[in-house]
Amino acid sequence: MAKKAVNRSKRKGKRLVAVIAVFLCAAMIVEAFYVGGRINKYEAREEALNKQIEEQIQESERLQEESEFVGTLEYIEKIAREKLGMVKDDEIILKKEE
């Protein structure tokens, strides 16, 4: 009779271990899907940030070029003509009548 009780106890123990193992495997699978989704989300965010960095680098280069142009005589002359309507001594301005 003691052998039967021991065998039943062993079977219950094996079943319990199997149930726990199945539960742990299911938890790991769920976690793997969750982590995979987060990885995809972070990769998309990284891509967007890299694009934004590239755009900012291009804008910085454009501003650097503009900054260099602003200090030239060509820029000063352009602004004097466009904004202030100034002309050189030997120039004649022709305006179109409306």
PDB file of N, CA and C in Angstrom:
ATOM      1  N   MET A   1       0.814  -1.178   0.000  1.00  0.00           N
ATOM      2  CA  MET A   1       0.000   0.000   0.000  1.00  0.00           C
ATOM      3  C   MET A   1       0.867   1.255   0.000  1.00  0.00           C
ATOM      4  N   ALA A   2       1.975   1.223   0.651  1.00  0.00           N
ATOM      5  CA  ALA A   2       2.861   2.376   0.729  1.00  0.00           C
ATOM      6  C   ALA A   2       3.446   2.677  -0.635  1.00  0.00           C
ATOM      7  N   LYS A   3       3.713   1.611  -1.424  1.00  0.00           N
ATOM      8  CA  LYS A   3       4.255   1.825  -2.774  1.00  0.00           C
ATOM      9  C   LYS A   3       3.258   2.568  -3.640  1.00  0.00           C
ATOM     10  N   LYS A   4       1.990   2.241  -3.537  1.00  0.00           N
ATOM     11  CA  LYS A   4       0.960   2.915  -4.327  1.00  0.00           C
ATOM     12  C   LYS A   4       0.877   4.392  -3.945  1.00  0.00           C
ATOM     13  N   ALA A   5       0.971   4.691  -2.706  1.00  0.00           N
ATOM     14  CA  ALA A   5       0.906   6.076  -2.248  1.00  0.00           C
ATOM     15  C   ALA A   5       2.119   6.851  -2.740  1.00  0.00           C
ATOM     16  N   VAL A   6       3.272   6.199  -2.725  1.00  0.00           N
ATOM     17  CA  VAL A   6       4.495   6.848  -3.210  1.00  0.00           C
ATOM     18  C   VAL A   6       4.384   7.081  -4.711  1.00  0.00           C
ATOM     19  N   ASN A   7       3.881   6.095  -5.469  1.00  0.00           N
ATOM     20  CA  ASN A   7       3.718   6.238  -6.922  1.00  0.00           C
ATOM     21  C   ASN A   7       2.738   7.364  -7.255  1.00  0.00           C
ATOM     22  N   ARG A   8       1.628   7.434  -6.502  1.00  0.00           N
ATOM     23  CA  ARG A   8       0.666   8.504  -6.729  1.00  0.00           C
ATOM     24  C   ARG A   8       1.297   9.862  -6.424  1.00  0.00           C
ATOM     25  N   SER A   9       2.057   9.909  -5.362  1.00  0.00           N
ATOM     26  CA  SER A   9       2.718  11.149  -4.986  1.00  0.00           C
ATOM     27  C   SER A   9       3.712  11.568  -6.072  1.00  0.00           C
ATOM     28  N   LYS A  10       4.442  10.577  -6.625  1.00  0.00           N
ATOM     29  CA  LYS A  10       5.404  10.881  -7.702  1.00  0.00           C
ATOM     30  C   LYS A  10       4.678  11.377  -8.944  1.00  0.00           C
ATOM     31  N   ARG A  11       3.559  10.737  -9.279  1.00  0.00           N
ATOM     32  CA  ARG A  11       2.785  11.160 -10.444  1.00  0.00           C
ATOM     33  C   ARG A  11       2.241  12.564 -10.250  1.00  0.00           C
ATOM     34  N   LYS A  12       1.744  12.868  -9.058  1.00  0.00           N
ATOM     35  CA  LYS A  12       1.250  14.217  -8.789  1.00  0.00           C
ATOM     36  C   LYS A  12       2.388  15.227  -8.903  1.00  0.00           C
ATOM     37  N   GLY A  13       3.548  14.849  -8.410  1.00  0.00           N
ATOM     38  CA  GLY A  13       4.709  15.727  -8.495  1.00  0.00           C
ATOM     39  C   GLY A  13       5.107  15.967  -9.940  1.00  0.00           C
ATOM     40  N   LYS A  14       5.091  14.891 -10.746  1.00  0.00           N
ATOM     41  CA  LYS A  14       5.444  15.022 -12.171  1.00  0.00           C
ATOM     42  C   LYS A  14       4.411  15.884 -12.896  1.00  0.00           C
ATOM     43  N   ARG A  15       3.164  15.695 -12.574  1.00  0.00           N
ATOM     44  CA  ARG A  15       2.113  16.507 -13.199  1.00  0.00           C
ATOM     45  C   ARG A  15       2.279  17.982 -12.823  1.00  0.00           C
ATOM     46  N   LEU A  16       2.559  18.209 -11.556  1.00  0.00           N
ATOM     47  CA  LEU A  16       2.759  19.575 -11.092  1.00  0.00           C
ATOM     48  C   LEU A  16       3.949  20.231 -11.809  1.00  0.00           C
ATOM     49  N   VAL A  17       5.028  19.480 -11.947  1.00  0.00           N
ATOM     50  CA  VAL A  17       6.203  19.992 -12.659  1.00  0.00           C
ATOM     51  C   VAL A  17       5.852  20.255 -14.122  1.00  0.00           C
ATOM     52  N   ALA A  18       5.092  19.368 -14.745  1.00  0.00           N
ATOM     53  CA  ALA A  18       4.692  19.551 -16.143  1.00  0.00           C
ATOM     54  C   ALA A  18       3.804  20.784 -16.300  1.00  0.00           C
ATOM     55  N   VAL A  19       2.863  20.981 -15.389  1.00  0.00           N
ATOM     56  CA  VAL A  19       1.975  22.135 -15.441  1.00  0.00           C
ATOM     57  C   VAL A  19       2.785  23.419 -15.268  1.00  0.00           C
ATOM     58  N   ILE A  20       3.698  23.413 -14.334  1.00  0.00           N
ATOM     59  CA  ILE A  20       4.542  24.593 -14.118  1.00  0.00           C
ATOM     60  C   ILE A  20       5.399  24.854 -15.353  1.00  0.00           C
ATOM     61  N   ALA A  21       5.947  23.804 -15.961  1.00  0.00           N
ATOM     62  CA  ALA A  21       6.773  23.967 -17.157  1.00  0.00           C
ATOM     63  C   ALA A  21       5.952  24.544 -18.304  1.00  0.00           C
ATOM     64  N   VAL A  22       4.733  24.057 -18.500  1.00  0.00           N
ATOM     65  CA  VAL A  22       3.861  24.574 -19.551  1.00  0.00           C
ATOM     66  C   VAL A  22       3.529  26.039 -19.280  1.00  0.00           C
ATOM     67  N   PHE A  23       3.232  26.351 -18.040  1.00  0.00           N
ATOM     68  CA  PHE A  23       2.932  27.727 -17.675  1.00  0.00           C
ATOM     69  C   PHE A  23       4.127  28.638 -17.950  1.00  0.00           C
ATOM     70  N   LEU A  24       5.309  28.218 -17.570  1.00  0.00           N
ATOM     71  CA  LEU A  24       6.511  29.014 -17.809  1.00  0.00           C
ATOM     72  C   LEU A  24       6.778  29.194 -19.305  1.00  0.00           C
ATOM     73  N   CYS A  25       6.586  28.133 -20.076  1.00  0.00           N
ATOM     74  CA  CYS A  25       6.768  28.237 -21.538  1.00  0.00           C
ATOM     75  C   CYS A  25       5.767  29.226 -22.138  1.00  0.00           C
ATOM     76  N   ALA A  26       4.529  29.158 -21.700  1.00  0.00           N
ATOM     77  CA  ALA A  26       3.515  30.082 -22.209  1.00  0.00           C
ATOM     78  C   ALA A  26       3.875  31.515 -21.828  1.00  0.00           C
ATOM     79  N   ALA A  27       4.336  31.709 -20.603  1.00  0.00           N
ATOM     80  CA  ALA A  27       4.725  33.051 -20.163  1.00  0.00           C
ATOM     81  C   ALA A  27       5.899  33.567 -20.995  1.00  0.00           C
ATOM     82  N   MET A  28       6.850  32.691 -21.293  1.00  0.00           N
ATOM     83  CA  MET A  28       8.007  33.094 -22.102  1.00  0.00           C
ATOM     84  C   MET A  28       7.588  33.450 -23.527  1.00  0.00           C
ATOM     85  N   ILE A  29       6.661  32.721 -24.092  1.00  0.00           N
ATOM     86  CA  ILE A  29       6.186  33.007 -25.454  1.00  0.00           C
ATOM     87  C   ILE A  29       5.471  34.357 -25.479  1.00  0.00           C
ATOM     88  N   VAL A  30       4.613  34.595 -24.501  1.00  0.00           N
ATOM     89  CA  VAL A  30       3.908  35.878 -24.431  1.00  0.00           C
ATOM     90  C   VAL A  30       4.911  37.015 -24.279  1.00  0.00           C
ATOM     91  N   GLU A  31       5.888  36.842 -23.418  1.00  0.00           N
ATOM     92  CA  GLU A  31       6.913  37.872 -23.204  1.00  0.00           C
ATOM     93  C   GLU A  31       7.731  38.093 -24.474  1.00  0.00           C
ATOM     94  N   ALA A  32       8.021  37.036 -25.208  1.00  0.00           N
ATOM     95  CA  ALA A  32       8.787  37.170 -26.454  1.00  0.00           C
ATOM     96  C   ALA A  32       8.017  38.016 -27.470  1.00  0.00           C
ATOM     97  N   PHE A  33       6.710  37.798 -27.576  1.00  0.00           N
ATOM     98  CA  PHE A  33       5.906  38.621 -28.487  1.00  0.00           C
ATOM     99  C   PHE A  33       5.875  40.078 -28.023  1.00  0.00           C
ATOM    100  N   TYR A  34       5.764  40.271 -26.737  1.00  0.00           N
ATOM    101  CA  TYR A  34       5.732  41.618 -26.181  1.00  0.00           C
ATOM    102  C   TYR A  34       7.055  42.339 -26.442  1.00  0.00           C
ATOM    103  N   VAL A  35       8.150  41.664 -26.202  1.00  0.00           N
ATOM    104  CA  VAL A  35       9.473  42.253 -26.432  1.00  0.00           C
ATOM    105  C   VAL A  35       9.682  42.512 -27.924  1.00  0.00           C
ATOM    106  N   GLY A  36       9.247  41.581 -28.759  1.00  0.00           N
ATOM    107  CA  GLY A  36       9.370  41.769 -30.207  1.00  0.00           C
ATOM    108  C   GLY A  36       8.623  43.009 -30.681  1.00  0.00           C
ATOM    109  N   GLY A  37       7.451  43.225 -30.135  1.00  0.00           N
ATOM    110  CA  GLY A  37       6.678  44.420 -30.485  1.00  0.00           C
ATOM    111  C   GLY A  37       7.378  45.689 -30.045  1.00  0.00           C
ATOM    112  N   ARG A  38       7.954  45.658 -28.862  1.00  0.00           N
ATOM    113  CA  ARG A  38       8.693  46.828 -28.375  1.00  0.00           C
ATOM    114  C   ARG A  38       9.926  47.083 -29.229  1.00  0.00           C
ATOM    115  N   ILE A  39      10.598  46.030 -29.644  1.00  0.00           N
ATOM    116  CA  ILE A  39      11.780  46.194 -30.497  1.00  0.00           C
ATOM    117  C   ILE A  39      11.389  46.864 -31.810  1.00  0.00           C
ATOM    118  N   ASN A  40      10.294  46.416 -32.413  1.00  0.00           N
ATOM    119  CA  ASN A  40       9.830  47.033 -33.667  1.00  0.00           C
ATOM    120  C   ASN A  40       9.510  48.507 -33.460  1.00  0.00           C
ATOM    121  N   LYS A  41       8.871  48.808 -32.344  1.00  0.00           N
ATOM    122  CA  LYS A  41       8.515  50.189 -32.030  1.00  0.00           C
ATOM    123  C   LYS A  41       9.780  51.039 -31.882  1.00  0.00           C
ATOM    124  N   TYR A  42      10.775  50.513 -31.180  1.00  0.00           N
ATOM    125  CA  TYR A  42      12.019  51.252 -30.979  1.00  0.00           C
ATOM    126  C   TYR A  42      12.801  51.406 -32.280  1.00  0.00           C
ATOM    127  N   GLU A  43      12.759  50.404 -33.137  1.00  0.00           N
ATOM    128  CA  GLU A  43      13.444  50.515 -34.429  1.00  0.00           C
ATOM    129  C   GLU A  43      12.803  51.606 -35.284  1.00  0.00           C
ATOM    130  N   ALA A  44      11.488  51.678 -35.277  1.00  0.00           N
ATOM    131  CA  ALA A  44      10.796  52.726 -36.035  1.00  0.00           C
ATOM    132  C   ALA A  44      11.142  54.096 -35.465  1.00  0.00           C
ATOM    133  N   ARG A  45      11.195  54.204 -34.161  1.00  0.00           N
ATOM    134  CA  ARG A  45      11.556  55.478 -33.509  1.00  0.00           C
ATOM    135  C   ARG A  45      12.993  55.859 -33.851  1.00  0.00           C
ATOM    136  N   GLU A  46      13.882  54.883 -33.849  1.00  0.00           N
ATOM    137  CA  GLU A  46      15.279  55.146 -34.195  1.00  0.00           C
ATOM    138  C   GLU A  46      15.401  55.651 -35.629  1.00  0.00           C
ATOM    139  N   GLU A  47      14.659  55.020 -36.530  1.00  0.00           N
ATOM    140  CA  GLU A  47      14.675  55.442 -37.928  1.00  0.00           C
ATOM    141  C   GLU A  47      14.174  56.882 -38.077  1.00  0.00           C
ATOM    142  N   ALA A  48      13.095  57.204 -37.384  1.00  0.00           N
ATOM    143  CA  ALA A  48      12.557  58.569 -37.444  1.00  0.00           C
ATOM    144  C   ALA A  48      13.561  59.572 -36.878  1.00  0.00           C
ATOM    145  N   LEU A  49      14.216  59.210 -35.789  1.00  0.00           N
ATOM    146  CA  LEU A  49      15.202  60.114 -35.197  1.00  0.00           C
ATOM    147  C   LEU A  49      16.419  60.286 -36.094  1.00  0.00           C
ATOM    148  N   ASN A  50      16.845  59.204 -36.748  1.00  0.00           N
ATOM    149  CA  ASN A  50      17.969  59.315 -37.684  1.00  0.00           C
ATOM    150  C   ASN A  50      17.618  60.227 -38.854  1.00  0.00           C
ATOM    151  N   LYS A  51      16.387  60.130 -39.331  1.00  0.00           N
ATOM    152  CA  LYS A  51      15.938  61.008 -40.411  1.00  0.00           C
ATOM    153  C   LYS A  51      15.935  62.460 -39.934  1.00  0.00           C
ATOM    154  N   GLN A  52      15.459  62.668 -38.727  1.00  0.00           N
ATOM    155  CA  GLN A  52      15.416  64.018 -38.166  1.00  0.00           C
ATOM    156  C   GLN A  52      16.841  64.568 -37.994  1.00  0.00           C
ATOM    157  N   ILE A  53      17.760  63.728 -37.578  1.00  0.00           N
ATOM    158  CA  ILE A  53      19.160  64.153 -37.431  1.00  0.00           C
ATOM    159  C   ILE A  53      19.718  64.576 -38.781  1.00  0.00           C
ATOM    160  N   GLU A  54      19.450  63.783 -39.814  1.00  0.00           N
ATOM    161  CA  GLU A  54      19.936  64.111 -41.158  1.00  0.00           C
ATOM    162  C   GLU A  54      19.366  65.445 -41.636  1.00  0.00           C
ATOM    163  N   GLU A  55      18.072  65.670 -41.390  1.00  0.00           N
ATOM    164  CA  GLU A  55      17.450  66.937 -41.775  1.00  0.00           C
ATOM    165  C   GLU A  55      18.084  68.109 -41.026  1.00  0.00           C
ATOM    166  N   GLN A  56      18.376  67.905 -39.751  1.00  0.00           N
ATOM    167  CA  GLN A  56      18.995  68.967 -38.962  1.00  0.00           C
ATOM    168  C   GLN A  56      20.422  69.255 -39.432  1.00  0.00           C
ATOM    169  N   ILE A  57      21.141  68.221 -39.843  1.00  0.00           N
ATOM    170  CA  ILE A  57      22.491  68.417 -40.377  1.00  0.00           C
ATOM    171  C   ILE A  57      22.425  69.231 -41.667  1.00  0.00           C
ATOM    172  N   GLN A  58      21.479  68.899 -42.539  1.00  0.00           N
ATOM    173  CA  GLN A  58      21.325  69.645 -43.792  1.00  0.00           C
ATOM    174  C   GLN A  58      20.948  71.100 -43.511  1.00  0.00           C
ATOM    175  N   GLU A  59      20.049  71.324 -42.563  1.00  0.00           N
ATOM    176  CA  GLU A  59      19.649  72.685 -42.206  1.00  0.00           C
ATOM    177  C   GLU A  59      20.838  73.452 -41.635  1.00  0.00           C
ATOM    178  N   SER A  60      21.624  72.784 -40.820  1.00  0.00           N
ATOM    179  CA  SER A  60      22.809  73.417 -40.245  1.00  0.00           C
ATOM    180  C   SER A  60      23.798  73.824 -41.339  1.00  0.00           C
ATOM    181  N   GLU A  61      23.996  72.952 -42.320  1.00  0.00           N
ATOM    182  CA  GLU A  61      24.892  73.269 -43.443  1.00  0.00           C
ATOM    183  C   GLU A  61      24.357  74.457 -44.235  1.00  0.00           C
ATOM    184  N   ARG A  62      23.039  74.476 -44.470  1.00  0.00           N
ATOM    185  CA  ARG A  62      22.432  75.580 -45.211  1.00  0.00           C
ATOM    186  C   ARG A  62      22.615  76.897 -44.446  1.00  0.00           C
ATOM    187  N   LEU A  63      22.387  76.852 -43.147  1.00  0.00           N
ATOM    188  CA  LEU A  63      22.545  78.055 -42.334  1.00  0.00           C
ATOM    189  C   LEU A  63      24.003  78.516 -42.290  1.00  0.00           C
ATOM    190  N   GLN A  64      24.935  77.576 -42.276  1.00  0.00           N
ATOM    191  CA  GLN A  64      26.348  77.924 -42.286  1.00  0.00           C
ATOM    192  C   GLN A  64      26.702  78.641 -43.591  1.00  0.00           C
ATOM    193  N   GLU A  65      26.202  78.108 -44.713  1.00  0.00           N
ATOM    194  CA  GLU A  65      26.445  78.750 -46.017  1.00  0.00           C
ATOM    195  C   GLU A  65      25.827  80.149 -46.038  1.00  0.00           C
ATOM    196  N   GLU A  66      24.615  80.262 -45.531  1.00  0.00           N
ATOM    197  CA  GLU A  66      23.936  81.560 -45.500  1.00  0.00           C
ATOM    198  C   GLU A  66      24.700  82.543 -44.610  1.00  0.00           C
ATOM    199  N   SER A  67      25.198  82.043 -43.493  1.00  0.00           N
ATOM    200  CA  SER A  67      25.968  82.887 -42.581  1.00  0.00           C
ATOM    201  C   SER A  67      27.227  83.423 -43.261  1.00  0.00           C
ATOM    202  N   GLU A  68      27.871  82.579 -44.029  1.00  0.00           N
ATOM    203  CA  GLU A  68      29.067  83.008 -44.749  1.00  0.00           C
ATOM    204  C   GLU A  68      28.706  84.029 -45.829  1.00  0.00           C
ATOM    205  N   PHE A  69      27.561  83.850 -46.497  1.00  0.00           N
ATOM    206  CA  PHE A  69      27.123  84.754 -47.562  1.00  0.00           C
ATOM    207  C   PHE A  69      26.754  86.127 -47.004  1.00  0.00           C
ATOM    208  N   VAL A  70      26.163  86.150 -45.803  1.00  0.00           N
ATOM    209  CA  VAL A  70      25.705  87.406 -45.211  1.00  0.00           C
ATOM    210  C   VAL A  70      26.864  88.380 -45.019  1.00  0.00           C
ATOM    211  N   GLY A  71      28.046  87.887 -44.785  1.00  0.00           N
ATOM    212  CA  GLY A  71      29.191  88.759 -44.559  1.00  0.00           C
ATOM    213  C   GLY A  71      29.855  89.278 -45.820  1.00  0.00           C
ATOM    214  N   THR A  72      29.353  88.938 -46.988  1.00  0.00           N
ATOM    215  CA  THR A  72      30.003  89.339 -48.235  1.00  0.00           C
ATOM    216  C   THR A  72      29.443  90.658 -48.759  1.00  0.00           C
ATOM    217  N   LEU A  73      30.224  91.301 -49.593  1.00  0.00           N
ATOM    218  CA  LEU A  73      29.769  92.535 -50.244  1.00  0.00           C
ATOM    219  C   LEU A  73      28.595  92.247 -51.185  1.00  0.00           C
ATOM    220  N   GLU A  74      28.609  91.091 -51.787  1.00  0.00           N
ATOM    221  CA  GLU A  74      27.517  90.697 -52.693  1.00  0.00           C
ATOM    222  C   GLU A  74      26.181  90.710 -51.951  1.00  0.00           C
ATOM    223  N   TYR A  75      26.157  90.211 -50.727  1.00  0.00           N
ATOM    224  CA  TYR A  75      24.932  90.196 -49.929  1.00  0.00           C
ATOM    225  C   TYR A  75      24.501  91.625 -49.592  1.00  0.00           C
ATOM    226  N   ILE A  76      25.454  92.433 -49.160  1.00  0.00           N
ATOM    227  CA  ILE A  76      25.134  93.817 -48.803  1.00  0.00           C
ATOM    228  C   ILE A  76      24.547  94.550 -50.001  1.00  0.00           C
ATOM    229  N   GLU A  77      25.129  94.358 -51.180  1.00  0.00           N
ATOM    230  CA  GLU A  77      24.615  94.999 -52.389  1.00  0.00           C
ATOM    231  C   GLU A  77      23.220  94.487 -52.725  1.00  0.00           C
ATOM    232  N   LYS A  78      23.014  93.178 -52.578  1.00  0.00           N
ATOM    233  CA  LYS A  78      21.699  92.583 -52.865  1.00  0.00           C
ATOM    234  C   LYS A  78      20.632  93.192 -51.963  1.00  0.00           C
ATOM    235  N   ILE A  79      20.903  93.298 -50.674  1.00  0.00           N
ATOM    236  CA  ILE A  79      19.938  93.862 -49.730  1.00  0.00           C
ATOM    237  C   ILE A  79      19.701  95.342 -50.029  1.00  0.00           C
ATOM    238  N   ALA A  80      20.776  96.076 -50.347  1.00  0.00           N
ATOM    239  CA  ALA A  80      20.630  97.503 -50.657  1.00  0.00           C
ATOM    240  C   ALA A  80      19.721  97.702 -51.866  1.00  0.00           C
ATOM    241  N   ARG A  81      19.848  96.843 -52.853  1.00  0.00           N
ATOM    242  CA  ARG A  81      19.011  96.956 -54.054  1.00  0.00           C
ATOM    243  C   ARG A  81      17.575  96.538 -53.770  1.00  0.00           C
ATOM    244  N   GLU A  82      17.397  95.364 -53.139  1.00  0.00           N
ATOM    245  CA  GLU A  82      16.058  94.804 -52.944  1.00  0.00           C
ATOM    246  C   GLU A  82      15.254  95.541 -51.865  1.00  0.00           C
ATOM    247  N   LYS A  83      15.847  95.771 -50.732  1.00  0.00           N
ATOM    248  CA  LYS A  83      15.104  96.323 -49.599  1.00  0.00           C
ATOM    249  C   LYS A  83      15.111  97.850 -49.580  1.00  0.00           C
ATOM    250  N   LEU A  84      16.230  98.440 -49.974  1.00  0.00           N
ATOM    251  CA  LEU A  84      16.348  99.895 -49.865  1.00  0.00           C
ATOM    252  C   LEU A  84      16.181 100.614 -51.193  1.00  0.00           C
ATOM    253  N   GLY A  85      16.116  99.870 -52.301  1.00  0.00           N
ATOM    254  CA  GLY A  85      15.929 100.464 -53.617  1.00  0.00           C
ATOM    255  C   GLY A  85      17.123 101.279 -54.098  1.00  0.00           C
ATOM    256  N   MET A  86      18.278 100.991 -53.604  1.00  0.00           N
ATOM    257  CA  MET A  86      19.474 101.746 -53.978  1.00  0.00           C
ATOM    258  C   MET A  86      20.028 101.255 -55.311  1.00  0.00           C
ATOM    259  N   VAL A  87      20.709 102.161 -56.029  1.00  0.00           N
ATOM    260  CA  VAL A  87      21.344 101.829 -57.306  1.00  0.00           C
ATOM    261  C   VAL A  87      22.748 102.445 -57.324  1.00  0.00           C
ATOM    262  N   LYS A  88      23.556 101.944 -58.212  1.00  0.00           N
ATOM    263  CA  LYS A  88      24.882 102.523 -58.393  1.00  0.00           C
ATOM    264  C   LYS A  88      24.751 103.832 -59.185  1.00  0.00           C
ATOM    265  N   ASP A  89      25.789 104.665 -59.160  1.00  0.00           N
ATOM    266  CA  ASP A  89      25.751 105.972 -59.826  1.00  0.00           C
ATOM    267  C   ASP A  89      25.504 105.866 -61.325  1.00  0.00           C
ATOM    268  N   ASP A  90      26.036 104.831 -61.973  1.00  0.00           N
ATOM    269  CA  ASP A  90      25.924 104.725 -63.428  1.00  0.00           C
ATOM    270  C   ASP A  90      24.743 103.863 -63.874  1.00  0.00           C
ATOM    271  N   GLU A  91      23.816 103.545 -63.006  1.00  0.00           N
ATOM    272  CA  GLU A  91      22.671 102.701 -63.354  1.00  0.00           C
ATOM    273  C   GLU A  91      21.403 103.524 -63.500  1.00  0.00           C
ATOM    274  N   ILE A  92      20.525 103.035 -64.363  1.00  0.00           N
ATOM    275  CA  ILE A  92      19.213 103.641 -64.556  1.00  0.00           C
ATOM    276  C   ILE A  92      18.170 102.569 -64.241  1.00  0.00           C
ATOM    277  N   ILE A  93      17.177 102.948 -63.482  1.00  0.00           N
ATOM    278  CA  ILE A  93      16.125 101.988 -63.129  1.00  0.00           C
ATOM    279  C   ILE A  93      14.955 102.171 -64.089  1.00  0.00           C
ATOM    280  N   LEU A  94      14.515 101.076 -64.657  1.00  0.00           N
ATOM    281  CA  LEU A  94      13.333 101.089 -65.526  1.00  0.00           C
ATOM    282  C   LEU A  94      12.217 100.356 -64.791  1.00  0.00           C
ATOM    283  N   LYS A  95      11.094 101.018 -64.675  1.00  0.00           N
ATOM    284  CA  LYS A  95       9.952 100.414 -64.003  1.00  0.00           C
ATOM    285  C   LYS A  95       8.823 100.195 -64.996  1.00  0.00           C
ATOM    286  N   LYS A  96       8.165  99.113 -64.862  1.00  0.00           N
ATOM    287  CA  LYS A  96       7.040  98.775 -65.712  1.00  0.00           C
ATOM    288  C   LYS A  96       5.794  99.467 -65.173  1.00  0.00           C
ATOM    289  N   GLU A  97       5.069 100.148 -66.077  1.00  0.00           N
ATOM    290  CA  GLU A  97       3.833 100.795 -65.667  1.00  0.00           C
ATOM    291  C   GLU A  97       2.726  99.786 -65.543  1.00  0.00           C
ATOM    292  N   GLU A  98       1.884 100.007 -64.592  1.00  0.00           N
ATOM    293  CA  GLU A  98       0.767  99.078 -64.386  1.00  0.00           C
ATOM    294  C   GLU A  98      -0.495  99.583 -65.023  1.00  0.00           C
TER     295      GLU A  98
END
